[in-house]
């Protein structure tokens, strides 16, 4: 059970205000009283929250970041952009993941209650929107990165997913590909809907398989369609990981890429340069997204209003050998 400031005050025979003054080195406290409080703190193992210390200074100078998982391929780039920006501003960063579901959310909520950070950056984990909305309405500054569900209540940094999908389609169409297969990510993600809609405005297709952004989903989609006799001359996979699964399945089936079937991915993670053949893909500016979101939040903490409309960063088609 966590030791509280009330426990320290009771053991030392002083008020909680006196303990707070000792912890924050603020206010007049007699030398012997301060020494007794410090001794009790050491005996009980009391650790004051960064928020409790920060309140005495007006802020904790710490930013929180909530993400679904660190295993997402582009998460490292987003995180690096955030770290570079907050450290340059002399802020600290507390990172929270939702790997353990409800338990992770409870632990995160405890840090919010302790005011351990001044504002929050979010790559939205599933089933947390209501909780985040309540925190935002309660006064916690929040900026979303990659607004996958289109939540206008939150300031956000997004990319041109619709245009990214359209650019992939224009490239395939210019190369004479007219029978595309699209392998999406989870249908409830806003970015997935945008990528598909953008692609279909340029190159209409009903050959769509809904995947889950994994290598396995890309591989299985191609294996099953080839087995069914479906004809397609190109594949647009909604991320590079599933595109790698597509390449693997085509190679195993004896299909040449790009001669028989061209393949385009999305994200441009480092792996995309090292697939066989190297992957044509739509680059998502992940590090810039982290930098921009962190700057928005820090500016807001400094008193600057956040923009009402999302900050939109452009995608870019990167042409390699899988779809020259």
Protein backbone atom coordinates (compact mmCIF):
# COMPACT_ATOMS: atom_id res chain seq x y z
CA UNK A 1 0.00 0.00 0.00
CA UNK A 2 1.34 3.40 -0.96
CA UNK A 3 2.62 5.65 1.82
CA UNK A 4 0.85 9.03 1.74
CA UNK A 5 1.69 12.48 2.98
CA UNK A 6 -0.96 11.96 5.70
CA UNK A 7 0.96 8.91 6.95
CA UNK A 8 4.14 10.97 7.23
CA UNK A 9 2.34 13.81 9.01
CA UNK A 10 0.73 11.44 11.54
CA UNK A 11 4.00 9.64 12.31
CA UNK A 12 5.96 12.88 12.64
CA UNK A 13 3.25 14.60 14.70
CA UNK A 14 2.92 17.55 12.32
CA UNK A 15 0.41 18.80 9.77
CA UNK A 16 0.34 17.77 6.13
CA UNK A 17 1.16 21.40 5.27
CA UNK A 18 4.39 21.12 7.26
CA UNK A 19 5.35 17.92 5.44
CA UNK A 20 4.62 19.60 2.11
CA UNK A 21 6.82 22.55 3.04
CA UNK A 22 9.69 20.22 3.91
CA UNK A 23 9.28 18.21 0.70
CA UNK A 24 9.17 21.32 -1.48
CA UNK A 25 11.77 23.27 0.57
CA UNK A 26 9.27 26.08 0.80
CA UNK A 27 8.10 28.08 3.82
CA UNK A 28 9.45 28.38 7.35
CA UNK A 29 9.90 25.09 9.18
CA UNK A 30 12.08 24.80 12.28
CA UNK A 31 15.31 22.85 11.88
CA UNK A 32 14.45 20.12 14.37
CA UNK A 33 10.94 19.70 12.92
CA UNK A 34 12.28 19.49 9.38
CA UNK A 35 14.85 16.92 10.47
CA UNK A 36 12.14 14.81 12.14
CA UNK A 37 9.96 14.94 9.02
CA UNK A 38 12.86 13.88 6.79
CA UNK A 39 13.64 11.01 9.15
CA UNK A 40 10.04 9.77 9.01
CA UNK A 41 10.04 10.11 5.21
CA UNK A 42 13.12 7.88 5.08
CA UNK A 43 11.69 5.35 7.57
CA UNK A 44 8.34 5.02 5.80
CA UNK A 45 9.77 5.13 2.29
CA UNK A 46 7.50 7.99 1.28
CA UNK A 47 7.99 9.09 -2.34
CA UNK A 48 6.23 12.37 -3.19
CA UNK A 49 4.60 12.42 -6.62
CA UNK A 50 6.16 14.65 -9.22
CA UNK A 51 2.83 16.47 -9.35
CA UNK A 52 2.87 17.18 -5.62
CA UNK A 53 6.34 18.67 -5.90
CA UNK A 54 5.44 20.46 -9.11
CA UNK A 55 2.36 22.11 -7.64
CA UNK A 56 4.62 24.19 -5.44
CA UNK A 57 6.38 25.43 -8.56
CA UNK A 58 3.23 25.86 -10.66
CA UNK A 59 3.81 22.80 -12.87
CA UNK A 60 5.57 19.45 -12.96
CA UNK A 61 7.42 20.33 -16.22
CA UNK A 62 6.55 16.82 -17.31
CA UNK A 63 4.48 15.65 -20.29
CA UNK A 64 2.66 12.32 -20.38
CA UNK A 65 2.33 10.14 -23.47
CA UNK A 66 -0.23 7.34 -23.83
CA UNK A 67 0.17 4.76 -26.60
CA UNK A 68 -1.35 1.36 -27.39
CA UNK A 69 2.00 -0.45 -27.64
CA UNK A 70 5.65 0.17 -28.41
CA UNK A 71 5.65 -2.73 -30.88
CA UNK A 72 3.85 -0.73 -33.56
CA UNK A 73 6.43 -0.34 -36.37
CA UNK A 74 6.31 3.46 -36.64
CA UNK A 75 5.89 4.17 -32.92
CA UNK A 76 9.64 4.54 -32.33
CA UNK A 77 9.84 7.38 -34.85
CA UNK A 78 6.85 9.18 -33.32
CA UNK A 79 8.33 8.76 -29.85
CA UNK A 80 11.73 10.06 -30.95
CA UNK A 81 10.11 13.20 -32.33
CA UNK A 82 8.32 13.74 -29.03
CA UNK A 83 11.46 13.13 -26.94
CA UNK A 84 13.58 15.50 -29.03
CA UNK A 85 11.03 18.27 -28.61
CA UNK A 86 10.16 17.96 -24.91
CA UNK A 87 13.79 17.54 -23.83
CA UNK A 88 14.81 20.60 -25.81
CA UNK A 89 12.17 22.53 -23.81
CA UNK A 90 13.58 21.15 -20.52
CA UNK A 91 10.53 18.95 -19.89
CA UNK A 92 10.46 15.33 -18.82
CA UNK A 93 8.36 12.58 -20.42
CA UNK A 94 6.27 9.89 -18.73
CA UNK A 95 5.37 7.07 -21.13
CA UNK A 96 2.30 4.85 -20.62
CA UNK A 97 1.29 1.84 -22.70
CA UNK A 98 -1.96 -0.12 -22.73
CA UNK A 99 -0.38 -3.55 -23.15
CA UNK A 100 -2.26 -4.87 -20.11
CA UNK A 101 -5.69 -3.49 -20.86
CA UNK A 102 -7.78 -2.29 -17.93
CA UNK A 103 -4.88 -2.66 -15.48
CA UNK A 104 -2.75 -0.33 -17.62
CA UNK A 105 -5.58 2.21 -17.76
CA UNK A 106 -6.00 2.10 -13.96
CA UNK A 107 -2.30 2.71 -13.45
CA UNK A 108 -2.40 5.59 -15.91
CA UNK A 109 -5.45 7.05 -14.14
CA UNK A 110 -3.55 6.98 -10.85
CA UNK A 111 -0.79 9.10 -12.37
CA UNK A 112 -3.37 11.56 -13.68
CA UNK A 113 -4.90 11.81 -10.19
CA UNK A 114 -1.46 12.48 -8.75
CA UNK A 115 -0.97 15.28 -11.27
CA UNK A 116 2.27 13.66 -12.33
CA UNK A 117 2.27 15.55 -15.65
CA UNK A 118 0.96 18.82 -17.07
CA UNK A 119 -0.46 17.61 -20.38
CA UNK A 120 -0.88 14.47 -22.44
CA UNK A 121 0.05 13.28 -25.93
CA UNK A 122 -2.03 10.34 -27.15
CA UNK A 123 -1.84 7.74 -29.88
CA UNK A 124 -5.31 6.53 -28.99
CA UNK A 125 -5.49 3.02 -27.52
CA UNK A 126 -8.75 1.18 -28.17
CA UNK A 127 -11.61 1.61 -25.69
CA UNK A 128 -10.12 4.68 -24.02
CA UNK A 129 -11.99 7.48 -25.82
CA UNK A 130 -14.64 8.06 -23.13
CA UNK A 131 -11.96 8.19 -20.44
CA UNK A 132 -9.78 10.59 -22.43
CA UNK A 133 -12.78 12.80 -23.19
CA UNK A 134 -13.61 13.06 -19.48
CA UNK A 135 -10.01 13.98 -18.67
CA UNK A 136 -9.96 16.60 -21.42
CA UNK A 137 -13.23 18.15 -20.29
CA UNK A 138 -11.88 18.13 -16.74
CA UNK A 139 -9.05 20.42 -17.78
CA UNK A 140 -6.19 18.12 -18.81
CA UNK A 141 -4.59 19.42 -22.02
CA UNK A 142 -4.53 16.59 -24.60
CA UNK A 143 -3.20 16.42 -28.16
CA UNK A 144 -3.91 13.38 -30.34
CA UNK A 145 -1.35 11.97 -32.75
CA UNK A 146 -2.83 10.19 -35.79
CA UNK A 147 -6.53 10.81 -35.14
CA UNK A 148 -7.68 7.37 -36.25
CA UNK A 149 -11.30 7.98 -35.33
CA UNK A 150 -11.68 11.68 -36.25
CA UNK A 151 -12.45 13.20 -32.84
CA UNK A 152 -12.94 16.94 -33.44
CA UNK A 153 -13.09 17.71 -29.71
CA UNK A 154 -9.36 17.09 -29.39
CA UNK A 155 -6.55 19.05 -31.00
CA UNK A 156 -4.66 16.64 -33.23
CA UNK A 157 -1.82 16.07 -35.67
CA UNK A 158 -2.73 13.91 -38.68
CA UNK A 159 -1.44 12.98 -42.11
CA UNK A 160 -3.10 13.07 -45.52
CA UNK A 161 -4.28 9.47 -45.49
CA UNK A 162 -6.86 10.04 -48.22
CA UNK A 163 -4.33 11.69 -50.52
CA UNK A 164 -1.82 8.96 -49.65
CA UNK A 165 -4.24 6.31 -50.86
CA UNK A 166 -4.96 8.33 -53.99
CA UNK A 167 -1.25 8.73 -54.76
CA UNK A 168 -0.77 4.96 -54.56
CA UNK A 169 -3.67 4.47 -57.01
CA UNK A 170 -2.38 7.12 -59.44
CA UNK A 171 1.04 5.46 -59.48
CA UNK A 172 -0.40 2.02 -60.19
CA UNK A 173 -2.76 3.34 -62.85
CA UNK A 174 0.08 5.19 -64.59
CA UNK A 175 1.97 1.89 -64.74
CA UNK A 176 -0.99 0.25 -66.48
CA UNK A 177 -2.31 -1.66 -63.47
CA UNK A 178 -6.09 -1.84 -63.60
CA UNK A 179 -7.02 -4.82 -61.40
CA UNK A 180 -5.84 -3.92 -57.89
CA UNK A 181 -6.29 -5.80 -54.64
CA UNK A 182 -6.50 -3.63 -51.49
CA UNK A 183 -5.62 -5.10 -48.10
CA UNK A 184 -6.79 -2.72 -45.38
CA UNK A 185 -6.17 -2.36 -41.69
CA UNK A 186 -8.96 -2.57 -39.06
CA UNK A 187 -12.14 -1.06 -40.52
CA UNK A 188 -12.95 1.09 -37.47
CA UNK A 189 -9.78 3.18 -37.88
CA UNK A 190 -10.42 6.51 -39.57
CA UNK A 191 -7.08 6.35 -41.38
CA UNK A 192 -8.07 3.01 -42.94
CA UNK A 193 -11.33 4.38 -44.28
CA UNK A 194 -9.52 7.43 -45.67
CA UNK A 195 -6.81 5.37 -47.40
CA UNK A 196 -9.40 3.13 -49.02
CA UNK A 197 -11.65 6.01 -50.09
CA UNK A 198 -8.71 7.94 -51.54
CA UNK A 199 -7.55 4.91 -53.51
CA UNK A 200 -11.01 4.17 -54.88
CA UNK A 201 -11.56 7.73 -56.12
CA UNK A 202 -8.71 7.12 -58.57
CA UNK A 203 -8.81 3.36 -59.16
CA UNK A 204 -12.20 1.81 -58.27
CA UNK A 205 -12.06 -1.79 -57.06
CA UNK A 206 -14.29 -4.24 -55.24
CA UNK A 207 -11.39 -6.60 -54.51
CA UNK A 208 -10.86 -5.55 -50.90
CA UNK A 209 -9.73 -7.72 -48.00
CA UNK A 210 -10.00 -6.29 -44.49
CA UNK A 211 -6.86 -7.12 -42.53
CA UNK A 212 -5.32 -6.11 -39.22
CA UNK A 213 -1.97 -4.51 -40.17
CA UNK A 214 -0.05 -7.76 -39.54
CA UNK A 215 2.32 -9.66 -41.84
CA UNK A 216 0.05 -12.68 -41.49
CA UNK A 217 -3.03 -10.82 -42.75
CA UNK A 218 -1.21 -9.69 -45.89
CA UNK A 219 0.16 -13.16 -46.55
CA UNK A 220 -3.14 -14.98 -45.98
CA UNK A 221 -5.11 -12.55 -48.15
CA UNK A 222 -2.88 -13.21 -51.13
CA UNK A 223 -2.71 -16.97 -50.54
CA UNK A 224 -6.49 -17.27 -50.36
CA UNK A 225 -7.18 -15.11 -53.40
CA UNK A 226 -4.61 -16.92 -55.52
CA UNK A 227 -6.14 -20.25 -54.47
CA UNK A 228 -9.60 -18.98 -55.44
CA UNK A 229 -8.43 -18.00 -58.92
CA UNK A 230 -9.03 -14.29 -58.43
CA UNK A 231 -7.11 -12.13 -60.88
CA UNK A 232 -5.23 -9.04 -59.78
CA UNK A 233 -2.19 -7.24 -61.19
CA UNK A 234 -1.32 -5.10 -58.16
CA UNK A 235 -1.72 -4.86 -54.39
CA UNK A 236 -2.12 -1.80 -52.17
CA UNK A 237 -1.50 -2.84 -48.56
CA UNK A 238 -2.43 -0.33 -45.88
CA UNK A 239 0.87 -0.68 -44.04
CA UNK A 240 4.37 -1.94 -44.81
CA UNK A 241 4.15 -4.91 -42.46
CA UNK A 242 1.18 -6.41 -44.29
CA UNK A 243 2.88 -5.53 -47.59
CA UNK A 244 5.84 -7.66 -46.48
CA UNK A 245 3.40 -10.55 -46.02
CA UNK A 246 2.11 -9.93 -49.55
CA UNK A 247 5.64 -10.13 -50.98
CA UNK A 248 6.30 -13.35 -49.10
CA UNK A 249 3.11 -15.00 -50.39
CA UNK A 250 3.73 -13.92 -53.99
CA UNK A 251 7.30 -15.20 -53.89
CA UNK A 252 6.13 -18.56 -52.48
CA UNK A 253 3.54 -18.80 -55.29
CA UNK A 254 6.14 -18.14 -57.97
CA UNK A 255 4.73 -14.75 -58.94
CA UNK A 256 7.24 -12.10 -59.97
CA UNK A 257 7.17 -8.66 -58.33
CA UNK A 258 6.74 -6.29 -60.07
CA UNK A 259 6.52 -8.05 -63.45
CA UNK A 260 3.42 -10.10 -62.60
CA UNK A 261 2.06 -8.11 -59.65
CA UNK A 262 3.12 -4.68 -58.35
CA UNK A 263 2.98 -4.00 -54.61
CA UNK A 264 2.61 -0.70 -52.71
CA UNK A 265 2.64 -0.29 -48.94
CA UNK A 266 2.05 2.56 -46.50
CA UNK A 267 4.20 4.17 -43.74
CA UNK A 268 7.78 3.83 -45.10
CA UNK A 269 9.18 2.20 -41.97
CA UNK A 270 12.92 1.35 -42.15
CA UNK A 271 12.14 -2.24 -43.17
CA UNK A 272 10.60 -1.03 -46.46
CA UNK A 273 14.03 -0.43 -47.99
CA UNK A 274 15.16 -3.96 -47.17
CA UNK A 275 12.33 -6.17 -48.42
CA UNK A 276 12.85 -8.26 -51.56
CA UNK A 277 12.31 -6.35 -53.75
CA UNK A 278 12.50 -2.98 -51.92
CA UNK A 279 9.00 -1.68 -51.27
CA UNK A 280 7.27 1.21 -53.00
CA UNK A 281 5.27 2.87 -50.24
CA UNK A 282 3.48 6.00 -49.05
CA UNK A 283 5.69 7.75 -46.49
CA UNK A 284 3.97 8.90 -43.32
CA UNK A 285 6.07 11.58 -41.53
CA UNK A 286 6.04 9.80 -38.16
CA UNK A 287 8.86 11.72 -36.47
CA UNK A 288 7.45 15.04 -37.63
CA UNK A 289 4.07 14.04 -36.24
CA UNK A 290 5.63 13.50 -32.81
CA UNK A 291 7.57 16.76 -32.97
CA UNK A 292 4.55 18.78 -34.11
CA UNK A 293 2.21 17.31 -31.47
CA UNK A 294 4.74 17.96 -28.70
CA UNK A 295 5.21 21.56 -29.83
CA UNK A 296 1.43 22.07 -29.89
CA UNK A 297 1.08 20.76 -26.35
CA UNK A 298 4.03 22.73 -24.97
CA UNK A 299 2.76 25.92 -26.62
CA UNK A 300 -0.66 25.30 -25.07
CA UNK A 301 0.92 24.81 -21.64
CA UNK A 302 2.66 28.15 -22.20
CA UNK A 303 -0.68 29.87 -22.78
CA UNK A 304 -1.09 29.66 -26.56
CA UNK A 305 -4.53 28.42 -27.69
CA UNK A 306 -4.43 25.20 -29.71
CA UNK A 307 -5.79 25.31 -33.28
CA UNK A 308 -9.38 24.13 -33.68
CA UNK A 309 -8.65 22.28 -36.92
CA UNK A 310 -6.24 19.32 -37.06
CA UNK A 311 -2.67 20.07 -38.08
CA UNK A 312 -2.24 18.09 -41.30
CA UNK A 313 1.17 16.87 -42.47
CA UNK A 314 1.57 15.61 -46.05
CA UNK A 315 2.32 12.03 -47.07
CA UNK A 316 4.73 11.29 -49.92
CA UNK A 317 4.96 8.41 -52.39
CA UNK A 318 8.39 6.73 -52.29
CA UNK A 319 9.03 4.68 -55.44
CA UNK A 320 11.18 1.55 -55.19
CA UNK A 321 11.42 -1.72 -57.12
CA UNK A 322 8.17 -3.42 -56.00
CA UNK A 323 6.17 -0.93 -58.13
CA UNK A 324 8.49 1.16 -60.30
